[in-house]
Amino acid sequence: MDFSRQNLPQDISVAHQMIVDLLAALDEKDRTVDRLRHQLEQIKERLYGRRSEKMTERQWLFEYAGLLSALEASAGEDGEPAPEEQEGEEAEPVSTEVRRKRNGTSRRQVASNLPVERVEHTLSEEECRCAECGGPLRRMGEEVTRQIDYIPASFYIREHVRVKYSCPRCQGNVVVAKMPSPPIEKGLPGAGLLAHVLTSKYADHLPLYRMEQIVKRHGIAISRKTMCDWVRDCARLLKPVYDWLKTDALASKVVHTDDTPVPVRDGEREKTRQGRLWVYVGDGDHPQVVYDYTPTRSRDGPLEFLGNYSGYLQADAYAGYDELYRRGDVEEVGCWAHARRKYWDARKTDRRRAYQAVAYIARLYRVEREAREYEEENGLSKEERVRYRCSVRREKSRAILDEFKEWLGEEKEMVLPKSPMGEAIGYTLGQWDALKRYVEDGALAIDNNVAEQNMRPVAIGRKNWLFAGSDNGGRRAAVVYSLIQTCKRHGIDPFAYLRDVLDRIADHPINRIEELTPLAWKRAQNQASPSHQPITN
C-alpha cells in the first residue's frame, strides 16, 4: 500500500476499510512470524538442545505455577512430564516423583560370565624371609584383585580336510567324506566372518568402509565391495527365515508399525533420494520384529505388506493406512506419546494450554503405571493382566478422557487453527476415536513406543553408513534388521545366532525353517545347555 500523504483517501468509509485491511495483514504477518519462530525453535532444539522431554518438579512449577491444581489432580506427587522410553516398557510422560537411582552394575555382575585368566604374583626367595627373625615365610592365603581385560578380535584359517577312503582289495572304490555346504558357494568367508560383518553393520552401525580399514590392520585385504556382496548373499540365504517371521508377525492380534526415511543412492541422480524402512512389531504371542523397505512412502507399501491382516494396527495418523481401516477388519489404535509430543512442541507459544494438556495425558499414563505395578506385585498371568488392565482403564481412564475431550472442545474455540496449539488440538480431536481405543482392550498399549524404539537402530545406523546403495540394498537391510532386532527382543546375542544359522542354513530343510528363527534357536540352545544365559548385544 502507498501511504504517502497525498494518496490517503478522503472518504471516511474507504479509510476505515483500509485500516481493517491493514490490521488483517498485520494479524496474518504475526501468525506467520509465530509459525516461523516455532519452526526455528524446533530446529534449534533438535540441533543443539536436549532430545529428552524431561522436566524436574522445580522446572515444572517455575514454568507454569498456574497449573498447580491441574498437577495435583493429575499426578499428585508424580508429575514429571517426561517419557522414560525404555525398550519394552510404556512411556510415562509425567512424573515429578524423585526417581530412584538405578542400581549400578557391580564388577562381580559384569565379570560373572567371563572366562578367568589367573595371574599369580609371588615373592622371590629373598623376599620370603621374615624381617624380624630371618625365618622363612609360609603361605597363609591370598588377596584377589579383578580386572576386565580385552583381547583384540582375531582372524584364523579354517581348513576343512576331507579324508579319502579306498578299498585295498579292489584297488579303487574311492570315497571322500562330505563337508557341510558353505554359506556362500565357493566363497572365502566362513559363517563367523559373515556373522561379524552383518552384526557390525546392522547391530553396531559400523559402515563397511570402516570394517575394511579394521581388517586391514590385521593384515587382511577385504574390500568393502566384497563385503557388500557377502551381505547380499547372506540376505538371500536368510530370506526364508525372514518370510516366516513376517507370516508369524501378521498372525498377531495387535501389530505396531512405524516408518523412517532412508537416503538411497540413485544411479540416475547426482543426489540421493528418500526410500523408506517400515517396522512391524508382533504381539506377545507372535514376538517378531519385521522390517520392510519401499522406494517411496506411498500407501502401496504397507497395503502390500499387511495384505489380508485382520486385527488392531497401532500407528501414527498416516493416511496411507486409511484404506485398511475402511475395509473394516483392521482397527486403528492411536498413540498418546505422539499426541503428547505435539503439545510439548507447542509449549513455547502457549505454555498454559500446553502444560495443562500434558497434565491430562499424564493422568492417563499414571493409570497405566499403577496397573503395571499391581500386576507385577501380584504376579498376574497374561490373561489376568489383560482383564485387569481393561477394567482399570474403563473405570479410571475413560473418565479422564471424557474430561480431556471437553477441555479440548472449549480451548479449540480460543486458539487459531494454524497455530502450534491449534494444530495439536486439531490432531488430538481428529484422532480421538483411535486414541481412546486402547481402553477397549487390555491387550492394547497406550502408545506406539515399541515401534518407535525399534526404529532407533535404523536412525543411528543412518548417521554412520549415510545411505543405502540401491533399493535392493534397502530390501537386504530389512531382512538383516528383522533378524537382529528379533534377536534383541529375545535377549539373544545376534552374532552367536547368525554364526550358527549361517553355518547350517544351506543344508537345512526348507519345511523346517521355523527351527532357525531366533526364538526357536534360543529354546534349542537353552535345552542343550540349561545354564546358558544369552548375552544381549
Protein backbone atom coordinates (compact mmCIF):
# COMPACT_ATOMS: atom_id res chain seq x y z
CA MET A 1 0.00 0.00 0.00
CA ASP A 2 1.11 3.57 -0.72
CA PHE A 3 0.64 5.56 2.50
CA SER A 4 2.08 8.85 1.25
CA ARG A 5 0.08 11.85 2.47
CA GLN A 6 -1.24 12.74 -0.99
CA ASN A 7 -2.59 9.23 -1.55
CA LEU A 8 -4.60 8.95 1.70
CA PRO A 9 -8.33 8.58 0.96
CA GLN A 10 -10.68 11.43 1.80
CA ASP A 11 -13.73 9.18 2.11
CA ILE A 12 -14.06 8.01 5.74
CA SER A 13 -15.57 4.62 4.78
CA VAL A 14 -12.67 3.91 2.42
CA ALA A 15 -10.22 4.90 5.18
CA HIS A 16 -11.93 2.54 7.61
CA GLN A 17 -11.70 -0.28 5.11
CA MET A 18 -8.00 0.43 4.61
CA ILE A 19 -7.50 0.21 8.39
CA VAL A 20 -9.38 -3.10 8.53
CA ASP A 21 -7.30 -4.49 5.68
CA LEU A 22 -4.11 -3.26 7.30
CA LEU A 23 -4.98 -4.88 10.65
CA ALA A 24 -5.83 -8.15 8.89
CA ALA A 25 -2.50 -8.06 7.06
CA LEU A 26 -0.67 -7.37 10.34
CA ASP A 27 -2.51 -10.29 12.02
CA GLU A 28 -1.51 -12.58 9.18
CA LYS A 29 2.11 -11.41 9.46
CA ASP A 30 2.04 -12.01 13.22
CA ARG A 31 0.75 -15.55 12.67
CA THR A 32 3.44 -16.16 10.05
CA VAL A 33 6.13 -14.84 12.39
CA ASP A 34 4.84 -17.02 15.24
CA ARG A 35 4.76 -20.07 13.00
CA LEU A 36 8.27 -19.46 11.69
CA ARG A 37 9.56 -18.76 15.20
CA HIS A 38 8.03 -22.04 16.37
CA GLN A 39 9.68 -23.91 13.49
CA LEU A 40 13.01 -22.23 14.19
CA GLU A 41 12.81 -23.17 17.89
CA GLN A 42 12.12 -26.81 16.94
CA ILE A 43 15.08 -26.87 14.55
CA LYS A 44 17.40 -25.29 17.15
CA GLU A 45 16.21 -27.72 19.80
CA ARG A 46 16.81 -30.72 17.54
CA LEU A 47 20.25 -29.47 16.57
CA TYR A 48 21.53 -28.15 19.88
CA GLY A 49 19.04 -28.93 22.63
CA ARG A 50 18.27 -31.96 24.74
CA ARG A 51 16.26 -34.59 22.92
CA SER A 52 14.60 -35.66 26.16
CA GLU A 53 11.30 -34.09 27.15
CA LYS A 54 12.08 -34.44 30.85
CA MET A 55 11.45 -31.67 33.34
CA THR A 56 12.16 -31.69 37.03
CA GLU A 57 9.45 -30.77 39.51
CA ARG A 58 11.15 -27.44 40.21
CA GLN A 59 11.33 -26.61 36.48
CA TRP A 60 7.73 -27.56 36.04
CA LEU A 61 6.48 -25.33 38.87
CA PHE A 62 8.56 -22.36 37.80
CA GLU A 63 7.48 -22.76 34.17
CA TYR A 64 3.81 -22.78 34.94
CA ALA A 65 2.78 -22.03 38.52
CA GLY A 66 -0.85 -21.63 37.49
CA LEU A 67 -1.12 -25.35 36.80
CA LEU A 68 -0.67 -26.44 40.43
CA SER A 69 -4.27 -27.53 40.74
CA ALA A 70 -4.08 -29.49 37.49
CA LEU A 71 -0.86 -31.12 38.63
CA GLU A 72 -2.37 -32.13 41.97
CA ALA A 73 -5.34 -33.66 40.18
CA SER A 74 -3.26 -35.31 37.51
CA ALA A 75 -0.20 -36.63 39.22
CA GLY A 76 -0.21 -35.76 42.90
CA GLU A 77 3.39 -36.38 43.79
CA ASP A 78 4.25 -37.99 40.48
CA GLY A 79 4.04 -35.38 37.79
CA GLU A 80 7.23 -35.07 35.75
CA PRO A 81 6.23 -34.57 32.10
CA ALA A 82 8.82 -36.80 30.55
CA PRO A 83 8.63 -40.24 28.99
CA GLU A 84 11.29 -42.64 30.19
CA GLU A 85 11.18 -44.54 26.94
CA GLN A 86 12.87 -47.80 27.73
CA GLU A 87 12.71 -50.74 25.40
CA GLY A 88 9.81 -52.99 26.20
CA GLU A 89 8.15 -50.52 28.56
CA GLU A 90 5.39 -47.97 28.09
CA ALA A 91 6.48 -44.38 28.44
CA GLU A 92 5.20 -42.38 31.36
CA PRO A 93 5.32 -38.76 30.25
CA VAL A 94 4.51 -37.04 33.54
CA SER A 95 6.01 -37.79 36.92
CA THR A 96 7.55 -35.39 39.44
CA GLU A 97 8.43 -38.33 41.64
CA VAL A 98 12.06 -38.32 42.67
CA ARG A 99 13.32 -41.21 40.61
CA ARG A 100 15.14 -43.95 42.40
CA LYS A 101 18.77 -44.26 41.42
CA ARG A 102 19.30 -47.26 39.25
CA ASN A 103 21.49 -49.83 40.83
CA GLY A 104 24.94 -49.54 39.33
CA THR A 105 26.30 -52.67 37.75
CA SER A 106 28.88 -54.18 40.06
CA ARG A 107 32.20 -55.58 38.93
CA ARG A 108 31.07 -59.01 40.01
CA GLN A 109 27.96 -58.78 37.80
CA VAL A 110 29.96 -57.59 34.80
CA ALA A 111 32.58 -60.31 35.10
CA SER A 112 30.35 -63.20 36.18
CA ASN A 113 30.04 -64.74 32.71
CA LEU A 114 33.61 -64.18 31.51
CA PRO A 115 36.47 -66.68 31.42
CA VAL A 116 39.13 -66.09 34.06
CA GLU A 117 42.88 -65.97 33.48
CA ARG A 118 44.73 -66.39 36.78
CA VAL A 119 47.98 -64.46 37.15
CA GLU A 120 49.74 -65.28 40.43
CA HIS A 121 52.20 -62.85 41.98
CA THR A 122 54.63 -64.42 44.48
CA LEU A 123 57.61 -63.22 46.46
CA SER A 124 61.15 -64.08 45.49
CA GLU A 125 63.27 -66.38 47.67
CA GLU A 126 64.99 -63.42 49.28
CA GLU A 127 61.68 -61.66 49.99
CA CYS A 128 60.29 -64.82 51.65
CA ARG A 129 62.30 -64.13 54.81
CA CYS A 130 60.86 -62.62 57.98
CA ALA A 131 62.12 -59.10 58.55
CA GLU A 132 62.25 -59.74 62.33
CA CYS A 133 63.86 -63.19 62.77
CA GLY A 134 65.01 -64.01 59.24
CA GLY A 135 62.97 -67.26 59.20
CA PRO A 136 61.13 -68.48 56.10
CA LEU A 137 57.66 -67.08 55.42
CA ARG A 138 54.80 -69.54 54.99
CA ARG A 139 51.88 -69.07 52.60
CA MET A 140 48.71 -68.25 54.54
CA GLY A 141 46.22 -67.05 51.93
CA GLU A 142 45.83 -64.63 49.06
CA GLU A 143 44.29 -61.33 48.03
CA VAL A 144 42.47 -61.26 44.69
CA THR A 145 42.07 -58.14 42.54
CA ARG A 146 39.88 -58.50 39.45
CA GLN A 147 40.22 -56.55 36.21
CA ILE A 148 38.39 -56.81 32.92
CA ASP A 149 40.85 -57.11 30.07
CA TYR A 150 40.46 -57.38 26.33
CA ILE A 151 41.97 -59.49 23.54
CA PRO A 152 41.52 -57.97 20.06
CA ALA A 153 39.34 -59.89 17.62
CA SER A 154 41.35 -62.39 15.65
CA PHE A 155 41.07 -63.99 12.25
CA TYR A 156 42.09 -67.54 11.51
CA ILE A 157 42.02 -70.03 8.66
CA ARG A 158 39.63 -72.95 9.00
CA GLU A 159 40.80 -75.92 6.93
CA HIS A 160 38.15 -78.46 6.00
CA VAL A 161 40.06 -81.68 5.49
CA ARG A 162 38.00 -84.32 3.69
CA VAL A 163 39.54 -87.70 4.36
CA LYS A 164 39.62 -90.12 1.41
CA TYR A 165 38.94 -93.84 1.74
CA SER A 166 39.54 -96.66 -0.74
CA CYS A 167 39.21 -100.44 -0.81
CA PRO A 168 42.67 -102.12 -0.71
CA ARG A 169 41.28 -105.26 -2.35
CA CYS A 170 39.54 -103.61 -5.26
CA GLN A 171 42.26 -101.00 -5.76
CA GLY A 172 39.51 -98.44 -6.23
CA ASN A 173 36.09 -97.50 -4.93
CA VAL A 174 37.39 -94.20 -3.52
CA VAL A 175 35.05 -92.47 -1.06
CA VAL A 176 35.56 -88.92 0.23
CA ALA A 177 33.99 -87.67 3.47
CA LYS A 178 31.37 -84.97 2.99
CA MET A 179 31.55 -81.47 4.45
CA PRO A 180 28.70 -79.08 5.19
CA SER A 181 27.72 -76.73 2.38
CA PRO A 182 29.42 -73.35 2.86
CA PRO A 183 27.21 -70.28 3.37
CA ILE A 184 28.47 -68.85 0.08
CA GLU A 185 29.23 -71.36 -2.66
CA LYS A 186 32.97 -71.39 -3.36
CA GLY A 187 33.20 -68.35 -1.13
CA LEU A 188 36.14 -67.37 1.06
CA PRO A 189 34.34 -66.33 4.27
CA GLY A 190 33.22 -68.69 6.98
CA ALA A 191 29.99 -68.30 8.94
CA GLY A 192 31.76 -66.47 11.78
CA LEU A 193 33.21 -63.81 9.48
CA LEU A 194 29.87 -63.30 7.74
CA ALA A 195 28.07 -63.01 11.08
CA HIS A 196 30.69 -60.48 12.19
CA VAL A 197 30.10 -58.31 9.10
CA LEU A 198 26.30 -58.41 9.49
CA THR A 199 26.39 -57.71 13.23
CA SER A 200 28.94 -54.91 12.87
CA LYS A 201 26.93 -53.17 10.17
CA TYR A 202 23.35 -53.63 11.36
CA ALA A 203 23.70 -54.04 15.15
CA ASP A 204 26.78 -51.88 15.82
CA HIS A 205 26.16 -49.41 12.95
CA LEU A 206 29.67 -49.76 11.53
CA PRO A 207 29.95 -48.81 7.82
CA LEU A 208 31.67 -51.29 5.53
CA TYR A 209 34.46 -48.88 4.68
CA ARG A 210 35.43 -48.75 8.37
CA MET A 211 35.38 -52.54 8.56
CA GLU A 212 37.68 -52.55 5.54
CA GLN A 213 40.13 -50.39 7.49
CA ILE A 214 39.85 -52.54 10.61
CA VAL A 215 40.60 -55.84 8.88
CA LYS A 216 43.47 -54.16 7.06
CA ARG A 217 45.13 -53.58 10.43
CA HIS A 218 45.12 -57.36 10.84
CA GLY A 219 46.98 -57.75 7.57
CA ILE A 220 43.93 -58.87 5.56
CA ALA A 221 42.75 -57.15 2.40
CA ILE A 222 38.95 -57.37 2.08
CA SER A 223 37.35 -54.59 0.08
CA ARG A 224 34.04 -53.02 1.02
CA LYS A 225 32.64 -54.17 -2.33
CA THR A 226 33.44 -57.76 -1.41
CA MET A 227 31.77 -57.34 1.97
CA CYS A 228 28.77 -55.75 0.25
CA ASP A 229 28.47 -58.89 -1.92
CA TRP A 230 28.63 -61.00 1.25
CA VAL A 231 25.74 -59.02 2.75
CA ARG A 232 23.75 -59.60 -0.44
CA ASP A 233 24.39 -63.35 -0.38
CA CYS A 234 23.60 -63.63 3.34
CA ALA A 235 20.32 -61.75 2.93
CA ARG A 236 19.36 -64.16 0.15
CA LEU A 237 20.19 -67.13 2.38
CA LEU A 238 18.24 -65.71 5.33
CA LYS A 239 15.18 -64.64 3.31
CA PRO A 240 13.17 -67.84 4.10
CA VAL A 241 13.62 -67.16 7.84
CA TYR A 242 12.53 -63.55 7.26
CA ASP A 243 9.43 -64.72 5.37
CA TRP A 244 8.50 -66.98 8.29
CA LEU A 245 8.89 -64.08 10.75
CA LYS A 246 6.65 -61.92 8.59
CA THR A 247 3.90 -64.54 8.39
CA ASP A 248 4.01 -65.11 12.13
CA ALA A 249 4.01 -61.37 12.98
CA LEU A 250 0.90 -60.84 10.84
CA ALA A 251 -0.90 -63.52 12.83
CA SER A 252 -0.83 -61.12 15.80
CA LYS A 253 -3.91 -59.61 17.36
CA VAL A 254 -2.04 -56.31 17.60
CA VAL A 255 0.68 -55.03 15.26
CA HIS A 256 2.68 -51.87 15.99
CA THR A 257 4.12 -50.06 12.99
CA ASP A 258 6.25 -47.02 12.22
CA ASP A 259 8.46 -45.81 9.37
CA THR A 260 11.53 -43.69 8.81
CA PRO A 261 13.27 -42.24 5.74
CA VAL A 262 16.45 -43.82 4.38
CA PRO A 263 18.67 -42.00 1.86
CA VAL A 264 19.17 -44.18 -1.22
CA ARG A 265 21.71 -43.73 -3.97
CA ASP A 266 20.11 -43.47 -7.39
CA GLY A 267 22.25 -44.00 -10.48
CA GLU A 268 20.10 -41.56 -12.46
CA ARG A 269 20.61 -38.69 -10.00
CA GLU A 270 23.57 -36.87 -8.56
CA LYS A 271 21.97 -36.73 -5.11
CA THR A 272 20.39 -39.46 -3.04
CA ARG A 273 16.63 -39.85 -2.87
CA GLN A 274 14.49 -40.99 0.04
CA GLY A 275 13.44 -44.58 0.43
CA ARG A 276 11.50 -45.85 3.42
CA LEU A 277 12.03 -48.51 6.06
CA TRP A 278 8.92 -49.73 7.89
CA VAL A 279 8.82 -51.79 11.07
CA TYR A 280 6.03 -54.17 12.10
CA VAL A 281 6.17 -55.46 15.68
CA GLY A 282 4.10 -58.52 16.57
CA ASP A 283 2.36 -59.04 19.90
CA GLY A 284 3.41 -61.27 22.80
CA ASP A 285 2.04 -64.42 21.15
CA HIS A 286 3.94 -63.67 17.95
CA PRO A 287 7.03 -61.81 19.22
CA GLN A 288 8.71 -60.93 15.94
CA VAL A 289 10.18 -57.64 14.71
CA VAL A 290 9.92 -57.40 10.93
CA TYR A 291 11.10 -54.61 8.62
CA ASP A 292 10.08 -53.77 5.09
CA TYR A 293 11.66 -51.45 2.55
CA THR A 294 9.79 -49.39 -0.06
CA PRO A 295 11.25 -46.92 -2.59
CA THR A 296 8.61 -44.32 -1.62
CA ARG A 297 6.18 -43.61 1.22
CA SER A 298 3.09 -44.35 -0.85
CA ARG A 299 0.32 -46.40 0.71
CA ASP A 300 1.03 -49.30 -1.64
CA GLY A 301 3.95 -50.44 0.53
CA PRO A 302 2.10 -51.05 3.82
CA LEU A 303 -1.01 -52.27 1.99
CA GLU A 304 1.03 -54.91 0.18
CA PHE A 305 2.96 -55.94 3.28
CA LEU A 306 -0.08 -56.21 5.54
CA GLY A 307 -2.13 -57.94 2.85
CA ASN A 308 -5.17 -59.59 4.45
CA TYR A 309 -4.14 -58.77 8.00
CA SER A 310 -7.02 -58.61 10.45
CA GLY A 311 -6.70 -57.12 13.93
CA TYR A 312 -5.51 -53.93 15.62
CA LEU A 313 -2.93 -51.69 13.94
CA GLN A 314 -1.21 -49.16 16.22
CA ALA A 315 0.45 -46.40 14.24
CA ASP A 316 0.63 -42.67 13.72
CA ALA A 317 -2.01 -40.82 11.73
CA TYR A 318 -0.50 -41.74 8.34
CA ALA A 319 -3.26 -41.51 5.73
CA GLY A 320 -1.85 -44.47 3.80
CA TYR A 321 -3.42 -46.83 6.35
CA ASP A 322 -6.92 -45.44 5.81
CA GLU A 323 -7.68 -47.98 3.10
CA LEU A 324 -7.04 -50.75 5.63
CA TYR A 325 -9.35 -49.14 8.17
CA ARG A 326 -12.10 -48.72 5.57
CA ARG A 327 -12.09 -52.48 4.96
CA GLY A 328 -13.46 -52.95 8.46
CA ASP A 329 -11.23 -55.85 9.54
CA VAL A 330 -8.40 -53.60 10.80
CA GLU A 331 -8.98 -51.33 13.81
CA GLU A 332 -6.88 -48.18 14.17
CA VAL A 333 -5.17 -47.58 17.52
CA GLY A 334 -3.64 -44.16 18.16
CA CYS A 335 -0.51 -43.18 20.05
CA TRP A 336 -0.73 -40.90 23.08
CA ALA A 337 3.03 -40.31 23.10
CA HIS A 338 2.72 -38.94 19.56
CA ALA A 339 -0.19 -36.67 20.58
CA ARG A 340 1.64 -35.51 23.69
CA ARG A 341 4.71 -34.56 21.68
CA LYS A 342 2.65 -32.00 19.75
CA TYR A 343 1.68 -30.21 22.97
CA TRP A 344 5.27 -30.36 24.17
CA ASP A 345 6.42 -28.72 20.92
CA ALA A 346 3.77 -26.01 21.35
CA ARG A 347 4.77 -25.12 24.91
CA LYS A 348 6.86 -22.09 23.89
CA THR A 349 3.96 -20.41 22.11
CA ASP A 350 1.18 -21.37 24.53
CA ARG A 351 2.51 -22.57 27.88
CA ARG A 352 -0.73 -22.64 29.82
CA ARG A 353 -2.61 -24.86 27.39
CA ALA A 354 0.43 -26.98 26.57
CA TYR A 355 1.15 -27.90 30.19
CA GLN A 356 -2.48 -28.45 31.01
CA ALA A 357 -2.83 -30.87 28.06
CA VAL A 358 0.34 -32.64 29.16
CA ALA A 359 -1.12 -32.92 32.66
CA TYR A 360 -4.24 -34.62 31.32
CA ILE A 361 -2.14 -37.11 29.37
CA ALA A 362 0.00 -37.65 32.46
CA ARG A 363 -3.08 -38.85 34.33
CA LEU A 364 -3.68 -41.46 31.62
CA TYR A 365 -0.09 -42.70 31.93
CA ARG A 366 -0.33 -42.78 35.70
CA VAL A 367 -3.25 -45.23 35.42
CA GLU A 368 -1.06 -47.42 33.21
CA ARG A 369 1.88 -47.30 35.59
CA GLU A 370 -0.20 -48.14 38.65
CA ALA A 371 -1.86 -51.01 36.81
CA ARG A 372 1.51 -52.39 35.76
CA GLU A 373 2.86 -52.15 39.31
CA TYR A 374 -0.18 -54.00 40.67
CA GLU A 375 0.19 -56.73 38.03
CA GLU A 376 3.86 -57.25 38.87
CA GLU A 377 3.33 -57.23 42.63
CA ASN A 378 0.55 -59.81 42.42
CA GLY A 379 2.16 -61.99 39.73
CA LEU A 380 -0.85 -61.90 37.42
CA SER A 381 -0.83 -64.22 34.41
CA LYS A 382 -1.05 -62.80 30.91
CA GLU A 383 -4.81 -63.39 30.69
CA GLU A 384 -5.34 -61.89 34.13
CA ARG A 385 -3.29 -58.83 33.19
CA VAL A 386 -5.40 -58.21 30.09
CA ARG A 387 -8.65 -58.45 32.06
CA TYR A 388 -7.38 -56.34 34.94
CA ARG A 389 -5.95 -53.58 32.73
CA CYS A 390 -9.17 -53.41 30.71
CA SER A 391 -11.28 -53.00 33.86
CA VAL A 392 -8.97 -50.34 35.30
CA ARG A 393 -8.98 -48.35 32.08
CA ARG A 394 -12.77 -48.39 31.87
CA GLU A 395 -13.06 -47.34 35.47
CA LYS A 396 -10.39 -44.59 35.54
CA SER A 397 -9.04 -43.71 32.08
CA ARG A 398 -12.44 -43.29 30.45
CA ALA A 399 -13.41 -40.53 32.90
CA ILE A 400 -10.11 -38.72 32.29
CA LEU A 401 -10.62 -38.96 28.53
CA ASP A 402 -14.14 -37.51 28.76
CA GLU A 403 -12.85 -34.60 30.85
CA PHE A 404 -9.92 -34.01 28.48
CA LYS A 405 -12.15 -34.02 25.40
CA GLU A 406 -14.48 -31.46 26.97
CA TRP A 407 -11.48 -29.23 27.73
CA LEU A 408 -10.18 -29.62 24.17
CA GLY A 409 -13.55 -28.61 22.74
CA GLU A 410 -13.57 -25.43 24.83
CA GLU A 411 -9.96 -24.49 24.04
CA LYS A 412 -10.35 -25.19 20.33
CA GLU A 413 -12.61 -22.14 20.02
CA MET A 414 -9.98 -19.96 21.68
CA VAL A 415 -6.93 -20.70 19.51
CA LEU A 416 -6.00 -20.16 15.89
CA PRO A 417 -6.34 -23.40 13.89
CA LYS A 418 -2.93 -22.97 12.23
CA SER A 419 -1.06 -22.15 15.42
CA PRO A 420 1.05 -24.90 17.04
CA MET A 421 -1.55 -25.31 19.80
CA GLY A 422 -4.41 -25.26 17.30
CA GLU A 423 -2.74 -27.99 15.27
CA ALA A 424 -2.09 -30.06 18.42
CA ILE A 425 -5.73 -29.81 19.49
CA GLY A 426 -6.90 -30.50 15.93
CA TYR A 427 -4.71 -33.60 15.72
CA THR A 428 -5.99 -34.94 19.05
CA LEU A 429 -9.66 -34.41 18.24
CA GLY A 430 -9.22 -35.72 14.71
CA GLN A 431 -7.63 -38.89 16.11
CA TRP A 432 -9.91 -39.16 19.13
CA ASP A 433 -11.58 -42.48 18.29
CA ALA A 434 -8.19 -44.07 17.60
CA LEU A 435 -6.61 -42.53 20.70
CA LYS A 436 -9.29 -43.81 23.07
CA ARG A 437 -9.47 -47.29 21.51
CA TYR A 438 -6.83 -48.70 23.85
CA VAL A 439 -9.42 -48.51 26.66
CA GLU A 440 -11.49 -51.21 24.92
CA ASP A 441 -8.93 -53.99 25.27
CA GLY A 442 -6.27 -54.64 27.90
CA ALA A 443 -4.02 -56.18 25.23
CA LEU A 444 -3.58 -52.78 23.59
CA ALA A 445 -0.88 -50.29 24.56
CA ILE A 446 -1.41 -46.62 25.34
CA ASP A 447 1.25 -45.61 22.81
CA ASN A 448 3.30 -46.85 19.89
CA ASN A 449 6.67 -46.53 21.61
CA VAL A 450 7.61 -50.17 20.97
CA ALA A 451 7.63 -49.46 17.21
CA GLU A 452 9.50 -46.17 17.61
CA GLN A 453 12.12 -47.89 19.76
CA ASN A 454 12.72 -50.45 17.03
CA MET A 455 13.26 -47.61 14.58
CA ARG A 456 16.11 -46.15 16.63
CA PRO A 457 18.77 -48.59 15.33
CA VAL A 458 17.92 -47.51 11.78
CA ALA A 459 18.21 -43.83 12.72
CA ILE A 460 21.56 -44.42 14.44
CA GLY A 461 22.86 -46.53 11.59
CA ARG A 462 21.76 -43.94 9.05
CA LYS A 463 24.11 -41.41 10.64
CA ASN A 464 27.02 -43.79 10.11
CA TRP A 465 26.51 -45.56 6.80
CA LEU A 466 24.76 -42.44 5.39
CA PHE A 467 22.79 -44.12 2.58
CA ALA A 468 21.72 -47.40 1.03
CA GLY A 469 23.44 -48.24 -2.23
CA SER A 470 20.19 -49.11 -4.04
CA ASP A 471 16.61 -50.21 -3.49
CA ASN A 472 17.86 -53.79 -3.36
CA GLY A 473 20.28 -52.72 -0.64
CA GLY A 474 17.32 -51.35 1.32
CA ARG A 475 15.49 -54.68 0.98
CA ARG A 476 18.56 -56.57 2.19
CA ALA A 477 18.81 -54.23 5.16
CA ALA A 478 15.17 -55.03 6.01
CA VAL A 479 15.96 -58.76 6.11
CA VAL A 480 19.01 -58.42 8.36
CA TYR A 481 17.48 -55.80 10.65
CA SER A 482 14.49 -58.10 11.17
CA LEU A 483 16.65 -60.96 12.41
CA ILE A 484 18.91 -58.80 14.57
CA GLN A 485 16.10 -56.84 16.24
CA THR A 486 14.11 -60.03 16.86
CA CYS A 487 17.24 -61.45 18.49
CA LYS A 488 17.48 -58.38 20.72
CA ARG A 489 13.83 -58.69 21.64
CA HIS A 490 14.53 -62.18 22.99
CA GLY A 491 17.84 -61.35 24.67
CA ILE A 492 19.94 -63.23 22.11
CA ASP A 493 23.44 -62.30 21.01
CA PRO A 494 22.88 -61.59 17.27
CA PHE A 495 26.42 -62.68 16.40
CA ALA A 496 26.06 -66.10 18.05
CA TYR A 497 22.71 -66.63 16.37
CA LEU A 498 23.84 -65.57 12.89
CA ARG A 499 27.08 -67.56 13.06
CA ASP A 500 25.22 -70.77 13.90
CA VAL A 501 22.37 -70.25 11.44
CA LEU A 502 24.63 -69.28 8.55
CA ASP A 503 26.70 -72.38 9.23
CA ARG A 504 23.64 -74.65 8.91
CA ILE A 505 21.08 -72.95 6.70
CA ALA A 506 22.44 -74.11 3.34
CA ASP A 507 21.69 -77.74 4.23
CA HIS A 508 18.59 -77.13 6.35
CA PRO A 509 15.23 -78.46 5.07
CA ILE A 510 13.01 -75.62 3.93
CA ASN A 511 9.94 -77.25 5.53
CA ARG A 512 11.64 -76.92 8.95
CA ILE A 513 12.73 -73.31 8.55
CA GLU A 514 10.96 -72.33 11.80
CA GLU A 515 13.76 -74.12 13.68
CA LEU A 516 16.14 -71.38 12.52
CA THR A 517 14.06 -68.45 13.80
CA PRO A 518 15.57 -66.57 16.78
CA LEU A 519 13.02 -67.74 19.37
CA ALA A 520 13.22 -71.41 18.29
CA TRP A 521 17.03 -71.15 18.24
CA LYS A 522 17.06 -69.75 21.78
CA ARG A 523 14.85 -72.56 23.05
CA ALA A 524 17.10 -75.15 21.44
CA GLN A 525 20.18 -73.54 22.99
CA ASN A 526 18.59 -73.49 26.44
CA GLN A 527 17.59 -77.15 26.16
CA ALA A 528 21.09 -78.12 25.13
CA SER A 529 22.62 -76.08 27.96
CA PRO A 530 20.08 -75.13 30.67
CA SER A 531 22.63 -72.95 32.46
CA HIS A 532 23.35 -70.96 29.30
CA GLN A 533 22.39 -67.31 29.62
CA PRO A 534 22.22 -65.47 26.27
CA ILE A 535 24.09 -62.18 26.18
CA THR A 536 22.35 -59.18 24.69
CA ASN A 537 24.50 -57.48 22.09
